[in-house]
Amino acid sequence: VNASATVELPFERSGSITGSLVEKSRASEAEILLVAMRPESTEANRMVPLDATGQFAINDLRPGRYLIIVSSGEASETVDVDVLAGKPAQVELHVPARKERL
């Protein structure tokens, strides 16, 4: 008997997040941190580099929910992003106003 069978293994395609800062002139004072939201995720939190125009790209992400934290000094803002396999998520981020110290 000569039998052949095709076995398909599950393959999880990666996704990505691309975006920009609305306040491009403040790109040098902003920091962006990507945080994986899935408890079972093996993704490590990572700092995301911005280019001189405030653009960024985060590639090769497992599908799931992520949190992007934009900070400037002690002020920060967060954005939830859902990453889907094979579909880039696009976001526009605002640089938070710096908190004044008294």
N, C-alpha and C. Protein backbone atom coordinates (compact mmCIF):
# COMPACT_ATOMS: atom_id res chain seq x y z
N VAL A 1 0.85 -1.17 0.00
CA VAL A 1 0.00 0.00 0.00
C VAL A 1 0.89 1.22 0.00
N ASN A 2 0.65 2.10 -0.92
CA ASN A 2 1.41 3.35 -1.01
C ASN A 2 0.45 4.49 -0.72
N ALA A 3 0.50 4.97 0.48
CA ALA A 3 -0.42 6.05 0.87
C ALA A 3 0.38 7.30 1.14
N SER A 4 -0.14 8.39 0.68
CA SER A 4 0.51 9.66 1.01
C SER A 4 -0.52 10.57 1.64
N ALA A 5 -0.07 11.32 2.57
CA ALA A 5 -0.97 12.23 3.26
C ALA A 5 -0.28 13.57 3.44
N THR A 6 -1.04 14.59 3.41
CA THR A 6 -0.51 15.92 3.65
C THR A 6 -0.90 16.32 5.06
N VAL A 7 0.10 16.71 5.81
CA VAL A 7 -0.13 17.15 7.17
C VAL A 7 0.13 18.64 7.23
N GLU A 8 -0.85 19.39 7.69
CA GLU A 8 -0.68 20.83 7.83
C GLU A 8 -0.45 21.15 9.29
N LEU A 9 0.66 21.81 9.54
CA LEU A 9 0.98 22.23 10.88
C LEU A 9 0.49 23.66 11.08
N PRO A 10 0.00 23.97 12.26
CA PRO A 10 -0.46 25.34 12.48
C PRO A 10 0.73 26.31 12.43
N PHE A 11 0.54 27.41 11.75
CA PHE A 11 1.58 28.43 11.63
C PHE A 11 0.94 29.77 11.97
N GLU A 12 1.46 30.38 12.98
CA GLU A 12 0.93 31.66 13.42
C GLU A 12 1.71 32.78 12.73
N ARG A 13 1.06 33.47 11.80
CA ARG A 13 1.72 34.56 11.10
C ARG A 13 1.89 35.73 12.04
N SER A 14 2.91 36.51 11.78
CA SER A 14 3.17 37.65 12.65
C SER A 14 2.43 38.89 12.16
N GLY A 15 2.35 39.85 13.05
CA GLY A 15 1.72 41.13 12.72
C GLY A 15 2.70 42.25 13.02
N SER A 16 2.24 43.47 12.86
CA SER A 16 3.11 44.61 13.11
C SER A 16 2.28 45.82 13.54
N ILE A 17 2.98 46.79 14.12
CA ILE A 17 2.38 48.07 14.48
C ILE A 17 3.24 49.15 13.86
N THR A 18 2.61 50.04 13.12
CA THR A 18 3.32 51.20 12.59
C THR A 18 2.59 52.45 13.06
N GLY A 19 3.32 53.53 13.16
CA GLY A 19 2.67 54.74 13.61
C GLY A 19 3.58 55.94 13.62
N SER A 20 3.03 57.00 14.17
CA SER A 20 3.79 58.25 14.24
C SER A 20 3.29 59.09 15.40
N LEU A 21 4.14 60.01 15.79
CA LEU A 21 3.75 61.00 16.79
C LEU A 21 3.04 62.14 16.09
N VAL A 22 1.96 62.62 16.67
CA VAL A 22 1.26 63.76 16.10
C VAL A 22 2.13 65.01 16.24
N GLU A 23 2.79 65.13 17.39
CA GLU A 23 3.66 66.29 17.64
C GLU A 23 5.09 65.94 17.20
N LYS A 24 5.32 65.91 15.89
CA LYS A 24 6.60 65.47 15.35
C LYS A 24 7.78 66.29 15.87
N SER A 25 7.56 67.57 16.16
CA SER A 25 8.64 68.42 16.64
C SER A 25 9.11 68.01 18.03
N ARG A 26 8.32 67.19 18.74
CA ARG A 26 8.68 66.76 20.10
C ARG A 26 9.20 65.32 20.13
N ALA A 27 9.55 64.77 18.98
CA ALA A 27 10.00 63.38 18.90
C ALA A 27 11.22 63.13 19.76
N SER A 28 12.10 64.10 19.89
CA SER A 28 13.34 63.88 20.65
C SER A 28 13.09 63.76 22.15
N GLU A 29 11.94 64.23 22.64
CA GLU A 29 11.68 64.16 24.09
C GLU A 29 10.75 63.01 24.47
N ALA A 30 10.30 62.23 23.50
CA ALA A 30 9.36 61.14 23.77
C ALA A 30 10.06 59.79 23.79
N GLU A 31 9.56 58.90 24.62
CA GLU A 31 10.00 57.51 24.66
C GLU A 31 8.76 56.63 24.50
N ILE A 32 8.92 55.54 23.78
CA ILE A 32 7.80 54.62 23.56
C ILE A 32 8.19 53.24 24.06
N LEU A 33 7.31 52.64 24.86
CA LEU A 33 7.52 51.29 25.38
C LEU A 33 6.36 50.42 24.91
N LEU A 34 6.69 49.25 24.37
CA LEU A 34 5.67 48.28 23.95
C LEU A 34 5.57 47.21 25.03
N VAL A 35 4.34 46.95 25.49
CA VAL A 35 4.10 45.96 26.54
C VAL A 35 3.11 44.92 26.01
N ALA A 36 3.49 43.64 26.06
CA ALA A 36 2.59 42.57 25.63
C ALA A 36 1.52 42.39 26.70
N MET A 37 0.26 42.29 26.29
CA MET A 37 -0.84 42.22 27.24
C MET A 37 -1.28 40.79 27.55
N ARG A 38 -0.90 39.81 26.74
CA ARG A 38 -1.35 38.44 26.98
C ARG A 38 -0.53 37.82 28.10
N PRO A 39 -1.15 37.25 29.10
CA PRO A 39 -0.40 36.65 30.21
C PRO A 39 0.54 35.54 29.75
N GLU A 40 0.16 34.80 28.71
CA GLU A 40 0.97 33.69 28.26
C GLU A 40 2.03 34.12 27.25
N SER A 41 2.09 35.38 26.95
CA SER A 41 3.01 35.87 25.92
C SER A 41 4.46 35.74 26.34
N THR A 42 5.28 35.39 25.38
CA THR A 42 6.72 35.36 25.62
C THR A 42 7.38 36.63 25.10
N GLU A 43 6.58 37.55 24.58
CA GLU A 43 7.13 38.82 24.11
C GLU A 43 7.66 39.61 25.30
N ALA A 44 8.85 40.10 25.17
CA ALA A 44 9.42 40.93 26.23
C ALA A 44 9.03 42.39 25.99
N ASN A 45 8.87 43.13 27.07
CA ASN A 45 8.65 44.56 26.91
C ASN A 45 9.86 45.13 26.20
N ARG A 46 9.63 46.09 25.33
CA ARG A 46 10.76 46.66 24.62
C ARG A 46 10.56 48.13 24.31
N MET A 47 11.68 48.83 24.34
CA MET A 47 11.67 50.23 23.94
C MET A 47 11.60 50.27 22.42
N VAL A 48 10.88 51.24 21.89
CA VAL A 48 10.68 51.35 20.45
C VAL A 48 11.37 52.62 19.96
N PRO A 49 12.31 52.48 19.04
CA PRO A 49 12.98 53.68 18.55
C PRO A 49 12.09 54.50 17.62
N LEU A 50 12.21 55.80 17.75
CA LEU A 50 11.54 56.74 16.85
C LEU A 50 12.57 57.31 15.90
N ASP A 51 12.17 57.55 14.65
CA ASP A 51 13.10 58.24 13.78
C ASP A 51 12.96 59.75 14.00
N ALA A 52 13.73 60.53 13.28
CA ALA A 52 13.75 61.98 13.48
C ALA A 52 12.41 62.65 13.18
N THR A 53 11.56 61.98 12.41
CA THR A 53 10.25 62.56 12.07
C THR A 53 9.13 62.02 12.95
N GLY A 54 9.49 61.22 13.97
CA GLY A 54 8.47 60.70 14.88
C GLY A 54 7.77 59.45 14.39
N GLN A 55 8.32 58.77 13.38
CA GLN A 55 7.74 57.54 12.86
C GLN A 55 8.35 56.34 13.57
N PHE A 56 7.59 55.24 13.68
CA PHE A 56 8.12 54.01 14.24
C PHE A 56 7.45 52.80 13.60
N ALA A 57 8.12 51.66 13.69
CA ALA A 57 7.57 50.40 13.20
C ALA A 57 8.03 49.29 14.14
N ILE A 58 7.09 48.43 14.51
CA ILE A 58 7.38 47.28 15.36
C ILE A 58 6.92 46.06 14.58
N ASN A 59 7.87 45.24 14.17
CA ASN A 59 7.56 44.10 13.31
C ASN A 59 7.69 42.78 14.05
N ASP A 60 7.22 41.72 13.41
CA ASP A 60 7.33 40.35 13.91
C ASP A 60 6.70 40.16 15.30
N LEU A 61 5.49 40.68 15.45
CA LEU A 61 4.76 40.52 16.71
C LEU A 61 3.77 39.36 16.59
N ARG A 62 3.63 38.62 17.67
CA ARG A 62 2.60 37.59 17.70
C ARG A 62 1.24 38.29 17.79
N PRO A 63 0.22 37.74 17.16
CA PRO A 63 -1.11 38.33 17.27
C PRO A 63 -1.56 38.41 18.73
N GLY A 64 -2.26 39.48 19.06
CA GLY A 64 -2.75 39.68 20.42
C GLY A 64 -2.87 41.15 20.75
N ARG A 65 -3.15 41.43 22.00
CA ARG A 65 -3.33 42.81 22.46
C ARG A 65 -2.02 43.31 23.06
N TYR A 66 -1.69 44.54 22.71
CA TYR A 66 -0.49 45.18 23.21
C TYR A 66 -0.85 46.54 23.78
N LEU A 67 -0.01 47.02 24.65
CA LEU A 67 -0.15 48.33 25.24
C LEU A 67 1.07 49.14 24.83
N ILE A 68 0.84 50.32 24.30
CA ILE A 68 1.93 51.22 23.96
C ILE A 68 1.90 52.36 24.98
N ILE A 69 3.03 52.58 25.61
CA ILE A 69 3.15 53.66 26.59
C ILE A 69 4.06 54.72 26.01
N VAL A 70 3.54 55.93 25.88
CA VAL A 70 4.33 57.06 25.39
C VAL A 70 4.62 57.93 26.60
N SER A 71 5.89 58.23 26.82
CA SER A 71 6.22 59.06 27.98
C SER A 71 7.12 60.22 27.58
N SER A 72 7.01 61.26 28.37
CA SER A 72 7.84 62.44 28.24
C SER A 72 8.10 62.93 29.66
N GLY A 73 9.31 62.73 30.14
CA GLY A 73 9.58 63.05 31.54
C GLY A 73 8.77 62.11 32.42
N GLU A 74 8.04 62.66 33.37
CA GLU A 74 7.22 61.84 34.28
C GLU A 74 5.80 61.63 33.76
N ALA A 75 5.40 62.31 32.71
CA ALA A 75 4.05 62.17 32.16
C ALA A 75 4.02 61.02 31.16
N SER A 76 2.88 60.30 31.13
CA SER A 76 2.75 59.21 30.16
C SER A 76 1.29 59.05 29.74
N GLU A 77 1.12 58.46 28.57
CA GLU A 77 -0.19 58.11 28.04
C GLU A 77 -0.11 56.70 27.50
N THR A 78 -1.23 55.98 27.50
CA THR A 78 -1.25 54.62 27.00
C THR A 78 -2.27 54.45 25.89
N VAL A 79 -1.98 53.51 24.99
CA VAL A 79 -2.88 53.18 23.89
C VAL A 79 -2.91 51.66 23.77
N ASP A 80 -4.11 51.07 23.72
CA ASP A 80 -4.26 49.63 23.46
C ASP A 80 -4.27 49.41 21.96
N VAL A 81 -3.58 48.36 21.52
CA VAL A 81 -3.52 48.03 20.09
C VAL A 81 -3.74 46.54 19.94
N ASP A 82 -4.65 46.15 19.05
CA ASP A 82 -4.86 44.74 18.72
C ASP A 82 -4.06 44.43 17.46
N VAL A 83 -3.16 43.45 17.56
CA VAL A 83 -2.34 43.04 16.43
C VAL A 83 -2.94 41.77 15.85
N LEU A 84 -3.20 41.81 14.55
CA LEU A 84 -3.76 40.67 13.83
C LEU A 84 -2.68 40.10 12.91
N ALA A 85 -2.73 38.81 12.67
CA ALA A 85 -1.76 38.16 11.79
C ALA A 85 -1.84 38.72 10.38
N GLY A 86 -0.70 39.13 9.86
CA GLY A 86 -0.63 39.59 8.47
C GLY A 86 -1.23 40.95 8.19
N LYS A 87 -1.69 41.67 9.23
CA LYS A 87 -2.32 42.98 9.05
C LYS A 87 -1.63 44.01 9.92
N PRO A 88 -1.00 45.02 9.33
CA PRO A 88 -0.36 46.03 10.17
C PRO A 88 -1.39 46.91 10.89
N ALA A 89 -1.19 47.09 12.17
CA ALA A 89 -2.04 48.01 12.95
C ALA A 89 -1.37 49.39 12.86
N GLN A 90 -2.16 50.42 12.64
CA GLN A 90 -1.61 51.77 12.55
C GLN A 90 -2.14 52.62 13.69
N VAL A 91 -1.23 53.39 14.31
CA VAL A 91 -1.63 54.23 15.42
C VAL A 91 -0.98 55.61 15.30
N GLU A 92 -1.68 56.60 15.81
CA GLU A 92 -1.12 57.94 15.97
C GLU A 92 -1.03 58.20 17.46
N LEU A 93 0.13 58.63 17.89
CA LEU A 93 0.37 58.84 19.32
C LEU A 93 0.59 60.31 19.62
N HIS A 94 0.20 60.71 20.80
CA HIS A 94 0.42 62.07 21.27
C HIS A 94 1.49 62.06 22.35
N VAL A 95 2.37 63.04 22.29
CA VAL A 95 3.37 63.19 23.34
C VAL A 95 2.68 63.88 24.51
N PRO A 96 2.68 63.26 25.68
CA PRO A 96 1.98 63.88 26.83
C PRO A 96 2.72 65.15 27.26
N ALA A 97 1.94 66.09 27.79
CA ALA A 97 2.53 67.32 28.31
C ALA A 97 3.36 66.98 29.53
N ARG A 98 4.52 67.60 29.62
CA ARG A 98 5.37 67.37 30.79
C ARG A 98 4.72 67.96 32.03
N LYS A 99 4.84 67.24 33.14
CA LYS A 99 4.30 67.73 34.40
C LYS A 99 5.26 68.76 34.96
N GLU A 100 4.70 69.86 35.39
CA GLU A 100 5.50 70.93 36.00
C GLU A 100 5.80 70.58 37.44
N ARG A 101 7.03 70.77 37.83
CA ARG A 101 7.40 70.56 39.23
C ARG A 101 7.29 71.87 39.98
N LEU A 102 6.75 71.82 41.19
CA LEU A 102 6.62 73.01 42.02
C LEU A 102 7.78 73.14 42.96
